[in-house]
Amino acid sequence: MRETPPGLPRPWILTHGPERWHFGERPLVLGRLPDSDVVITDPEVSRIHAWLVPTPQGPVLVNRGQHGVQVNGEWVSTPRCLSAGDAITIGRATYCLEMGPPAESDAPRAARGFPKRLGSWVARYGPSEVLGTVTAVVVAVAMQRWTGSLVAAAYAAVLSETWAFYAVLYLRDCVAAAHRLGRQGRPFRPRECLEVGRGLVMEFGAAEVLDAALVRPCCLAVGLRWPGGSLGALTGKLAADLLFYGPVIAAHEWRRAHGTPPPQERQLRITDPQMPQP
């Protein structure tokens, strides 16, 4: 049986009922974001709630969630080195940590898990995309007829689509946050509204700016030029979505297969004496 080379993290398995997540060469991300390794659809869970960072001494749990993590029923606020058999509770879900089989490539497992992650992306962004698509097509056609300008029609469609897309996401996230705070007997205040907005801005960041300023208007303008009309606007919109989501999802998958520990975890190795050193 092939053993893990000395100095490398051991392979581990995180389980939740019949579900299993293998890790051993890169951190395992747990949170509400669709591109997390372990997607937890619970309003009490943060977008990126925690990391399981593999080290030669064992997985280190790094909490980032506002509501914390429990290990074997104990609340954890600082990085904690775990061992086989530990129970990790995030929100209302409890996960168990097990020692994995001999180390092997994560590529086949990553490929098997991709359909589930893609489904999480659709669940997260699908409703917003539907409303954004309808809005973009209607505004693009109306603006072109009114002004006769492809540029004006394209940018008007992008602005209206962006507004509709993020309005739906913002409303859904605000409702989830209000529900979570209500369960805790806490009010939903303007500060929470700002926090929800900040989280939405950080989801795509610079990629969204480049898409809205250049890629999406160009695709819509080409579609309105040929074949034109509603069909052209829809074609341009779908082409822009392909050019946007394709590289974004590919980048997430590449980082999942070849990624290094997040910058925050690397900083913890220097600043936190409880963080095991390799």
Protein backbone atom coordinates (compact mmCIF):
# COMPACT_ATOMS: atom_id res chain seq x y z
CA MET A 1 0.00 0.00 0.00
CA ARG A 2 1.39 3.36 -1.02
CA GLU A 3 1.95 5.71 1.94
CA THR A 4 1.91 9.48 2.08
CA PRO A 5 5.49 10.82 1.62
CA PRO A 6 7.03 12.28 4.78
CA GLY A 7 6.33 16.00 5.24
CA LEU A 8 3.16 15.99 3.13
CA PRO A 9 -0.35 16.29 4.58
CA ARG A 10 -2.19 13.01 5.06
CA PRO A 11 -5.32 12.30 3.02
CA TRP A 12 -8.54 12.93 4.96
CA ILE A 13 -12.28 12.52 4.41
CA LEU A 14 -15.05 14.81 5.65
CA THR A 15 -18.40 13.05 5.83
CA HIS A 16 -22.02 14.13 6.26
CA GLY A 17 -24.45 11.26 5.97
CA PRO A 18 -23.75 9.55 2.62
CA GLU A 19 -21.72 12.52 1.31
CA ARG A 20 -17.92 12.40 1.39
CA TRP A 21 -15.27 15.01 0.56
CA HIS A 22 -11.64 13.93 0.11
CA PHE A 23 -8.80 16.36 0.75
CA GLY A 24 -5.13 16.24 1.54
CA GLU A 25 -3.17 18.55 -0.74
CA ARG A 26 -5.17 21.78 -0.53
CA PRO A 27 -7.61 23.44 1.88
CA LEU A 28 -11.24 22.36 1.89
CA VAL A 29 -13.58 25.38 1.84
CA LEU A 30 -16.91 25.20 3.67
CA GLY A 31 -19.55 27.89 3.21
CA ARG A 32 -22.65 29.16 1.46
CA LEU A 33 -20.95 30.30 -1.76
CA PRO A 34 -21.73 28.02 -4.71
CA ASP A 35 -18.03 27.51 -5.49
CA SER A 36 -17.22 26.22 -1.98
CA ASP A 37 -16.00 22.63 -1.79
CA VAL A 38 -18.69 21.92 0.81
CA VAL A 39 -21.76 24.02 0.03
CA ILE A 40 -23.94 24.56 3.12
CA THR A 41 -27.32 26.07 2.24
CA ASP A 42 -28.12 27.44 5.68
CA PRO A 43 -28.87 31.14 6.37
CA GLU A 44 -26.76 30.93 9.53
CA VAL A 45 -23.68 29.98 7.50
CA SER A 46 -21.37 32.65 6.08
CA ARG A 47 -20.36 32.73 2.41
CA ILE A 48 -16.93 31.39 3.33
CA HIS A 49 -17.47 29.98 6.81
CA ALA A 50 -14.40 27.84 7.47
CA TRP A 51 -11.36 26.12 5.98
CA LEU A 52 -9.94 22.70 6.71
CA VAL A 53 -6.24 23.18 6.03
CA PRO A 54 -4.23 19.94 5.67
CA THR A 55 -0.89 19.87 7.48
CA PRO A 56 1.51 17.01 8.37
CA GLN A 57 0.19 17.19 11.95
CA GLY A 58 -3.45 16.91 10.84
CA PRO A 59 -6.19 19.14 9.43
CA VAL A 60 -6.38 22.61 10.95
CA LEU A 61 -9.84 24.15 11.24
CA VAL A 62 -9.81 27.90 10.53
CA ASN A 63 -13.09 29.67 11.33
CA ARG A 64 -14.21 32.72 9.33
CA GLY A 65 -17.95 32.62 10.01
CA GLN A 66 -19.72 35.22 12.09
CA HIS A 67 -21.53 32.52 14.06
CA GLY A 68 -18.54 30.29 14.73
CA VAL A 69 -17.89 26.56 14.51
CA GLN A 70 -18.25 23.80 17.09
CA VAL A 71 -15.79 20.92 17.43
CA ASN A 72 -17.14 18.04 19.49
CA GLY A 73 -19.72 20.42 20.97
CA GLU A 74 -17.15 23.10 21.91
CA TRP A 75 -17.17 26.54 20.25
CA VAL A 76 -13.93 27.25 18.40
CA SER A 77 -12.68 30.77 17.66
CA THR A 78 -8.97 30.16 16.97
CA PRO A 79 -7.34 27.68 14.56
CA ARG A 80 -7.72 24.15 15.91
CA CYS A 81 -5.76 21.06 14.88
CA LEU A 82 -8.19 18.17 14.42
CA SER A 83 -7.90 14.40 14.51
CA ALA A 84 -9.87 11.45 13.19
CA GLY A 85 -13.30 11.13 14.79
CA ASP A 86 -13.81 14.82 15.50
CA ALA A 87 -17.30 16.20 14.84
CA ILE A 88 -17.54 19.65 13.23
CA THR A 89 -20.83 21.53 13.52
CA ILE A 90 -21.53 24.47 11.21
CA GLY A 91 -25.02 25.92 11.35
CA ARG A 92 -27.39 22.99 11.76
CA ALA A 93 -25.15 20.43 10.01
CA THR A 94 -22.56 18.18 11.66
CA TYR A 95 -19.64 16.72 9.72
CA CYS A 96 -17.30 13.94 10.80
CA LEU A 97 -13.58 13.74 10.08
CA GLU A 98 -12.04 10.44 9.04
CA MET A 99 -8.58 9.30 7.99
CA GLY A 100 -8.48 8.81 4.24
CA PRO A 101 -6.94 6.12 2.03
CA PRO A 102 -3.39 6.44 0.65
CA ALA A 103 -2.78 9.74 -1.14
CA GLU A 104 -3.80 9.90 -4.78
CA SER A 105 -4.69 12.54 -7.31
CA ASP A 106 -7.72 14.72 -6.52
CA ALA A 107 -8.51 15.15 -10.24
CA PRO A 108 -10.99 12.24 -10.62
CA ARG A 109 -12.87 13.25 -7.48
CA ALA A 110 -12.95 16.88 -8.58
CA ALA A 111 -14.41 15.82 -11.93
CA ARG A 112 -17.10 13.75 -10.21
CA GLY A 113 -18.04 16.65 -7.95
CA PHE A 114 -18.33 19.22 -10.74
CA PRO A 115 -22.02 18.53 -11.65
CA LYS A 116 -23.02 19.17 -8.04
CA ARG A 117 -21.06 22.43 -7.92
CA LEU A 118 -22.56 23.48 -11.25
CA GLY A 119 -26.01 22.82 -9.80
CA SER A 120 -25.14 25.10 -6.88
CA TRP A 121 -24.18 27.86 -9.31
CA VAL A 122 -27.51 27.47 -11.13
CA ALA A 123 -29.45 27.56 -7.85
CA ARG A 124 -27.58 30.67 -6.73
CA TYR A 125 -27.65 32.73 -9.95
CA GLY A 126 -30.42 31.14 -12.04
CA PRO A 127 -33.39 33.28 -10.88
CA SER A 128 -31.35 36.47 -11.23
CA GLU A 129 -30.19 35.49 -14.71
CA VAL A 130 -33.75 34.81 -15.89
CA LEU A 131 -34.97 38.25 -14.80
CA GLY A 132 -31.79 39.89 -16.10
CA THR A 133 -32.20 38.23 -19.51
CA VAL A 134 -35.80 39.39 -19.93
CA THR A 135 -34.89 42.91 -18.82
CA ALA A 136 -31.86 43.13 -21.12
CA VAL A 137 -33.77 41.98 -24.21
CA VAL A 138 -36.73 44.30 -23.66
CA VAL A 139 -34.57 47.36 -22.92
CA ALA A 140 -32.14 46.68 -25.78
CA VAL A 141 -34.89 46.42 -28.40
CA ALA A 142 -36.81 49.42 -27.05
CA MET A 143 -33.71 51.63 -26.82
CA GLN A 144 -32.56 50.74 -30.33
CA ARG A 145 -35.95 51.65 -31.77
CA TRP A 146 -36.02 54.89 -29.81
CA THR A 147 -32.48 56.12 -30.45
CA GLY A 148 -31.33 54.10 -33.47
CA SER A 149 -27.96 53.65 -31.74
CA LEU A 150 -26.46 50.22 -31.15
CA VAL A 151 -24.09 51.63 -28.50
CA ALA A 152 -26.87 53.29 -26.52
CA ALA A 153 -29.04 50.20 -26.76
CA ALA A 154 -26.22 47.89 -25.65
CA TYR A 155 -25.20 49.94 -22.62
CA ALA A 156 -28.80 50.59 -21.59
CA ALA A 157 -29.44 46.85 -21.71
CA VAL A 158 -26.32 46.12 -19.64
CA LEU A 159 -27.24 48.69 -16.97
CA SER A 160 -30.80 47.40 -16.68
CA GLU A 161 -29.68 43.77 -16.65
CA THR A 162 -27.08 44.45 -13.95
CA TRP A 163 -29.66 46.24 -11.82
CA ALA A 164 -32.19 43.40 -12.16
CA PHE A 165 -29.56 40.69 -11.56
CA TYR A 166 -28.20 42.18 -8.35
CA ALA A 167 -31.61 43.34 -7.11
CA VAL A 168 -32.80 39.74 -7.00
CA LEU A 169 -29.60 38.52 -5.34
CA TYR A 170 -29.67 41.37 -2.83
CA LEU A 171 -33.31 40.74 -1.93
CA ARG A 172 -32.74 37.00 -1.46
CA ASP A 173 -29.65 37.54 0.69
CA CYS A 174 -31.38 40.21 2.79
CA VAL A 175 -34.33 37.90 3.43
CA ALA A 176 -31.94 35.09 4.45
CA ALA A 177 -29.98 37.42 6.75
CA ALA A 178 -33.16 38.82 8.33
CA HIS A 179 -34.42 35.28 8.90
CA ARG A 180 -31.14 34.27 10.53
CA LEU A 181 -31.07 37.31 12.81
CA GLY A 182 -34.75 36.90 13.66
CA ARG A 183 -34.09 33.36 14.88
CA GLN A 184 -31.50 34.85 17.22
CA GLY A 185 -33.81 37.61 18.40
CA ARG A 186 -31.68 40.31 16.77
CA PRO A 187 -32.93 43.14 14.51
CA PHE A 188 -32.03 43.49 10.85
CA ARG A 189 -30.40 46.93 10.77
CA PRO A 190 -28.89 49.13 8.03
CA ARG A 191 -25.46 47.75 8.90
CA GLU A 192 -26.59 44.28 7.86
CA CYS A 193 -27.94 45.75 4.60
CA LEU A 194 -24.51 47.21 3.87
CA GLU A 195 -22.83 43.91 4.74
CA VAL A 196 -25.04 42.05 2.29
CA GLY A 197 -24.18 44.58 -0.42
CA ARG A 198 -20.47 44.32 0.31
CA GLY A 199 -20.63 40.56 0.01
CA LEU A 200 -22.32 40.81 -3.39
CA VAL A 201 -19.67 43.22 -4.69
CA MET A 202 -16.93 40.80 -3.63
CA GLU A 203 -18.46 37.75 -5.33
CA PHE A 204 -17.16 38.62 -8.81
CA GLY A 205 -15.14 41.79 -8.22
CA ALA A 206 -13.02 42.96 -11.16
CA ALA A 207 -14.47 40.31 -13.47
CA GLU A 208 -17.90 41.94 -13.19
CA VAL A 209 -16.48 45.40 -13.99
CA LEU A 210 -14.69 44.17 -17.11
CA ASP A 211 -17.77 42.25 -18.24
CA ALA A 212 -20.19 45.16 -17.77
CA ALA A 213 -17.88 47.79 -19.25
CA LEU A 214 -16.65 45.97 -22.35
CA VAL A 215 -17.55 42.32 -23.00
CA ARG A 216 -21.31 42.43 -22.47
CA PRO A 217 -21.97 45.68 -24.42
CA CYS A 218 -19.93 44.36 -27.37
CA CYS A 219 -21.85 41.06 -27.44
CA LEU A 220 -25.20 42.83 -27.25
CA ALA A 221 -24.23 45.33 -29.96
CA VAL A 222 -23.16 42.52 -32.29
CA GLY A 223 -26.39 40.64 -31.60
CA LEU A 224 -28.52 43.72 -32.26
CA ARG A 225 -26.62 44.26 -35.50
CA TRP A 226 -26.99 40.68 -36.63
CA PRO A 227 -29.44 38.94 -36.54
CA GLY A 228 -31.11 41.94 -34.87
CA GLY A 229 -34.28 42.43 -32.88
CA SER A 230 -35.22 40.35 -29.85
CA LEU A 231 -33.44 37.27 -31.20
CA GLY A 232 -30.24 39.24 -31.65
CA ALA A 233 -30.44 40.74 -28.17
CA LEU A 234 -31.01 37.31 -26.66
CA THR A 235 -28.14 35.82 -28.66
CA GLY A 236 -25.79 38.59 -27.53
CA LYS A 237 -26.87 38.18 -23.92
CA LEU A 238 -26.29 34.42 -23.94
CA ALA A 239 -22.91 34.85 -25.65
CA ALA A 240 -21.88 37.35 -22.96
CA ASP A 241 -22.96 34.90 -20.23
CA LEU A 242 -20.85 32.17 -21.82
CA LEU A 243 -17.81 34.44 -22.03
CA PHE A 244 -18.30 35.54 -18.41
CA TYR A 245 -19.22 32.36 -16.55
CA GLY A 246 -16.97 30.08 -18.60
CA PRO A 247 -13.64 31.62 -17.46
CA VAL A 248 -14.96 32.29 -13.93
CA ILE A 249 -16.00 28.68 -13.36
CA ALA A 250 -12.85 27.40 -15.07
CA ALA A 251 -10.72 29.56 -12.77
CA HIS A 252 -12.52 28.23 -9.69
CA GLU A 253 -12.04 24.65 -10.87
CA TRP A 254 -8.37 25.25 -11.63
CA ARG A 255 -7.79 26.71 -8.18
CA ARG A 256 -9.64 23.77 -6.67
CA ALA A 257 -7.36 21.30 -8.46
CA HIS A 258 -4.05 23.21 -8.17
CA GLY A 259 -4.69 25.82 -5.49
CA THR A 260 -2.45 26.76 -2.59
CA PRO A 261 -3.64 27.66 0.93
CA PRO A 262 -5.54 30.98 1.02
CA PRO A 263 -3.53 34.12 1.94
CA GLN A 264 -5.33 34.34 5.29
CA GLU A 265 -4.18 30.82 6.20
CA ARG A 266 -0.58 31.56 5.19
CA GLN A 267 -0.66 34.65 7.38
CA LEU A 268 -1.96 32.60 10.32
CA ARG A 269 1.13 30.39 10.12
CA ILE A 270 3.20 33.45 10.92
CA THR A 271 1.01 35.28 13.43
CA ASP A 272 -0.80 32.54 15.38
CA PRO A 273 1.32 30.38 17.71
CA GLN A 274 -1.43 27.71 17.77
CA MET A 275 -1.14 27.14 14.03
CA PRO A 276 0.96 23.98 13.41
CA GLN A 277 4.05 24.51 11.32
CA PRO A 278 4.96 22.08 8.51
